[in-house]
Amino acid sequence: MQKDKIQQLYVFRQKGPEEKSLLFLISLIGHVDYPISIVEELPKKLTKQSGSLLLGNNTRINSLSDLPRQSLYVLAHAVEQNQVFPQGVKFFDYLPYMGVSGQI
């Protein structure tokens, strides 16, 4: 998201396993200097400087309709073998936000 120059982030969390993403979300909020909004519905259109982060599993992400086709991010744990993501999805690299740099 740094590369995409995101300045506003909308976070959509899957109902049920919210606790799985809670610590990540708290940490992310503490490490970015732009607004993060937790939303019940994703915006249909985004500005060039805004993005959407989908927190959930692959099945839930693929069940969402009318997703924006740009600046749409998921975490790596949403990847499942032989499954695809909606068009335009990018992986959210959270390591720079957590103070980690270089190779692991």
C-alpha atoms as a PDB file:
ATOM      1  CA  MET A   1       0.000   0.000   0.000  1.00  0.00           C
ATOM      2  CA  GLN A   2       2.933   2.320   0.502  1.00  0.00           C
ATOM      3  CA  LYS A   3       3.847   1.798  -3.150  1.00  0.00           C
ATOM      4  CA  ASP A   4       0.253   2.648  -4.127  1.00  0.00           C
ATOM      5  CA  LYS A   5       0.399   5.820  -1.970  1.00  0.00           C
ATOM      6  CA  ILE A   6      -2.739   4.936  -0.034  1.00  0.00           C
ATOM      7  CA  GLN A   7      -3.907   7.722   2.302  1.00  0.00           C
ATOM      8  CA  GLN A   8      -7.264   6.274   3.441  1.00  0.00           C
ATOM      9  CA  LEU A   9      -7.995   2.618   4.186  1.00  0.00           C
ATOM     10  CA  TYR A  10     -11.363   0.903   4.478  1.00  0.00           C
ATOM     11  CA  VAL A  11     -11.219  -2.393   6.374  1.00  0.00           C
ATOM     12  CA  PHE A  12     -13.896  -5.025   5.837  1.00  0.00           C
ATOM     13  CA  ARG A  13     -13.796  -7.855   8.378  1.00  0.00           C
ATOM     14  CA  GLN A  14     -15.453 -11.232   7.994  1.00  0.00           C
ATOM     15  CA  LYS A  15     -18.148 -11.851  10.587  1.00  0.00           C
ATOM     16  CA  GLY A  16     -17.339 -14.587  13.070  1.00  0.00           C
ATOM     17  CA  PRO A  17     -13.549 -14.848  13.182  1.00  0.00           C
ATOM     18  CA  GLU A  18     -12.974 -11.120  13.899  1.00  0.00           C
ATOM     19  CA  GLU A  19     -10.718 -11.983  16.836  1.00  0.00           C
ATOM     20  CA  LYS A  20      -8.232 -13.530  14.396  1.00  0.00           C
ATOM     21  CA  SER A  21      -7.609 -10.115  12.855  1.00  0.00           C
ATOM     22  CA  LEU A  22      -8.043  -7.951  15.954  1.00  0.00           C
ATOM     23  CA  LEU A  23      -4.380  -7.820  17.055  1.00  0.00           C
ATOM     24  CA  PHE A  24      -3.239  -7.233  13.489  1.00  0.00           C
ATOM     25  CA  LEU A  25      -5.743  -4.406  13.108  1.00  0.00           C
ATOM     26  CA  ILE A  26      -4.735  -2.759  16.401  1.00  0.00           C
ATOM     27  CA  SER A  27      -1.087  -2.915  15.376  1.00  0.00           C
ATOM     28  CA  LEU A  28      -1.812  -1.531  11.905  1.00  0.00           C
ATOM     29  CA  ILE A  29      -3.758   1.412  13.334  1.00  0.00           C
ATOM     30  CA  GLY A  30      -0.779   2.222  15.558  1.00  0.00           C
ATOM     31  CA  HIS A  31       1.679   2.175  12.648  1.00  0.00           C
ATOM     32  CA  VAL A  32       0.011   4.229   9.928  1.00  0.00           C
ATOM     33  CA  ASP A  33      -0.477   7.972   9.756  1.00  0.00           C
ATOM     34  CA  TYR A  34      -3.682   8.000   7.743  1.00  0.00           C
ATOM     35  CA  PRO A  35      -7.323   7.225   8.577  1.00  0.00           C
ATOM     36  CA  ILE A  36      -8.505   3.627   8.813  1.00  0.00           C
ATOM     37  CA  SER A  37     -12.252   3.010   8.751  1.00  0.00           C
ATOM     38  CA  ILE A  38     -13.768  -0.334   9.706  1.00  0.00           C
ATOM     39  CA  VAL A  39     -16.810  -0.719   7.474  1.00  0.00           C
ATOM     40  CA  GLU A  40     -19.790  -3.040   7.177  1.00  0.00           C
ATOM     41  CA  GLU A  41     -19.928  -2.475   3.393  1.00  0.00           C
ATOM     42  CA  LEU A  42     -17.099  -1.676   1.034  1.00  0.00           C
ATOM     43  CA  PRO A  43     -17.327   1.528  -0.977  1.00  0.00           C
ATOM     44  CA  LYS A  44     -18.343   0.865  -4.595  1.00  0.00           C
ATOM     45  CA  LYS A  45     -15.732   3.325  -5.873  1.00  0.00           C
ATOM     46  CA  LEU A  46     -12.466   4.446  -4.367  1.00  0.00           C
ATOM     47  CA  THR A  47     -10.365   7.518  -4.939  1.00  0.00           C
ATOM     48  CA  LYS A  48      -6.805   7.005  -6.196  1.00  0.00           C
ATOM     49  CA  GLN A  49      -5.484   7.493  -2.667  1.00  0.00           C
ATOM     50  CA  SER A  50      -7.868   5.138  -0.883  1.00  0.00           C
ATOM     51  CA  GLY A  51      -7.874   1.365  -0.613  1.00  0.00           C
ATOM     52  CA  SER A  52      -9.824  -1.540   0.847  1.00  0.00           C
ATOM     53  CA  LEU A  53      -8.374  -4.288   3.021  1.00  0.00           C
ATOM     54  CA  LEU A  54     -10.406  -7.506   3.141  1.00  0.00           C
ATOM     55  CA  LEU A  55      -9.866  -9.506   6.326  1.00  0.00           C
ATOM     56  CA  GLY A  56     -11.327 -12.982   6.027  1.00  0.00           C
ATOM     57  CA  ASN A  57     -10.927 -16.336   4.404  1.00  0.00           C
ATOM     58  CA  ASN A  58     -10.834 -17.064   0.676  1.00  0.00           C
ATOM     59  CA  THR A  59     -14.411 -18.357   0.552  1.00  0.00           C
ATOM     60  CA  ARG A  60     -15.797 -15.184   2.121  1.00  0.00           C
ATOM     61  CA  ILE A  61     -13.674 -12.894  -0.032  1.00  0.00           C
ATOM     62  CA  ASN A  62     -14.799 -14.675  -3.197  1.00  0.00           C
ATOM     63  CA  SER A  63     -18.450 -14.410  -2.136  1.00  0.00           C
ATOM     64  CA  LEU A  64     -18.337 -10.606  -2.109  1.00  0.00           C
ATOM     65  CA  SER A  65     -19.881  -8.921  -5.124  1.00  0.00           C
ATOM     66  CA  ASP A  66     -19.338  -5.519  -6.720  1.00  0.00           C
ATOM     67  CA  LEU A  67     -15.811  -5.156  -5.353  1.00  0.00           C
ATOM     68  CA  PRO A  68     -13.697  -2.259  -6.543  1.00  0.00           C
ATOM     69  CA  ARG A  69     -11.084  -3.391  -9.084  1.00  0.00           C
ATOM     70  CA  GLN A  70      -8.219  -1.287  -7.804  1.00  0.00           C
ATOM     71  CA  SER A  71      -6.496  -0.817  -4.438  1.00  0.00           C
ATOM     72  CA  LEU A  72      -8.014  -4.014  -3.041  1.00  0.00           C
ATOM     73  CA  TYR A  73      -5.821  -5.911  -0.565  1.00  0.00           C
ATOM     74  CA  VAL A  74      -5.900  -9.239   1.321  1.00  0.00           C
ATOM     75  CA  LEU A  75      -3.567 -10.868   3.834  1.00  0.00           C
ATOM     76  CA  ALA A  76      -1.526 -13.899   2.868  1.00  0.00           C
ATOM     77  CA  HIS A  77      -3.431 -16.205   5.234  1.00  0.00           C
ATOM     78  CA  ALA A  78      -6.490 -15.849   2.967  1.00  0.00           C
ATOM     79  CA  VAL A  79      -4.703 -17.896   0.295  1.00  0.00           C
ATOM     80  CA  GLU A  80      -6.055 -21.387  -0.246  1.00  0.00           C
ATOM     81  CA  GLN A  81      -4.699 -23.992  -2.624  1.00  0.00           C
ATOM     82  CA  ASN A  82      -6.329 -24.040  -6.073  1.00  0.00           C
ATOM     83  CA  GLN A  83      -8.502 -21.010  -5.262  1.00  0.00           C
ATOM     84  CA  VAL A  84      -8.501 -17.656  -7.012  1.00  0.00           C
ATOM     85  CA  PHE A  85      -9.190 -14.134  -5.829  1.00  0.00           C
ATOM     86  CA  PRO A  86     -11.398 -11.485  -7.391  1.00  0.00           C
ATOM     87  CA  GLN A  87      -9.804  -9.417 -10.150  1.00  0.00           C
ATOM     88  CA  GLY A  88      -7.530  -6.659  -8.898  1.00  0.00           C
ATOM     89  CA  VAL A  89      -6.673  -8.143  -5.492  1.00  0.00           C
ATOM     90  CA  LYS A  90      -3.149  -7.526  -4.192  1.00  0.00           C
ATOM     91  CA  PHE A  91      -1.419  -9.016  -1.181  1.00  0.00           C
ATOM     92  CA  PHE A  92      -1.054  -6.635   1.710  1.00  0.00           C
ATOM     93  CA  ASP A  93       2.560  -6.659   2.858  1.00  0.00           C
ATOM     94  CA  TYR A  94       2.233  -5.660   6.482  1.00  0.00           C
ATOM     95  CA  LEU A  95       5.872  -6.157   7.470  1.00  0.00           C
ATOM     96  CA  PRO A  96       6.946  -2.550   6.758  1.00  0.00           C
ATOM     97  CA  TYR A  97       4.054  -1.380   8.956  1.00  0.00           C
ATOM     98  CA  MET A  98       5.224  -3.585  11.804  1.00  0.00           C
ATOM     99  CA  GLY A  99       8.763  -2.216  11.749  1.00  0.00           C
ATOM    100  CA  VAL A 100      10.235  -5.203   9.894  1.00  0.00           C
ATOM    101  CA  SER A 101      12.471  -4.647   6.922  1.00  0.00           C
ATOM    102  CA  GLY A 102      14.745  -6.747   4.772  1.00  0.00           C
ATOM    103  CA  GLN A 103      14.486 -10.463   4.170  1.00  0.00           C
ATOM    104  CA  ILE A 104      13.049 -12.929   6.639  1.00  0.00           C
END
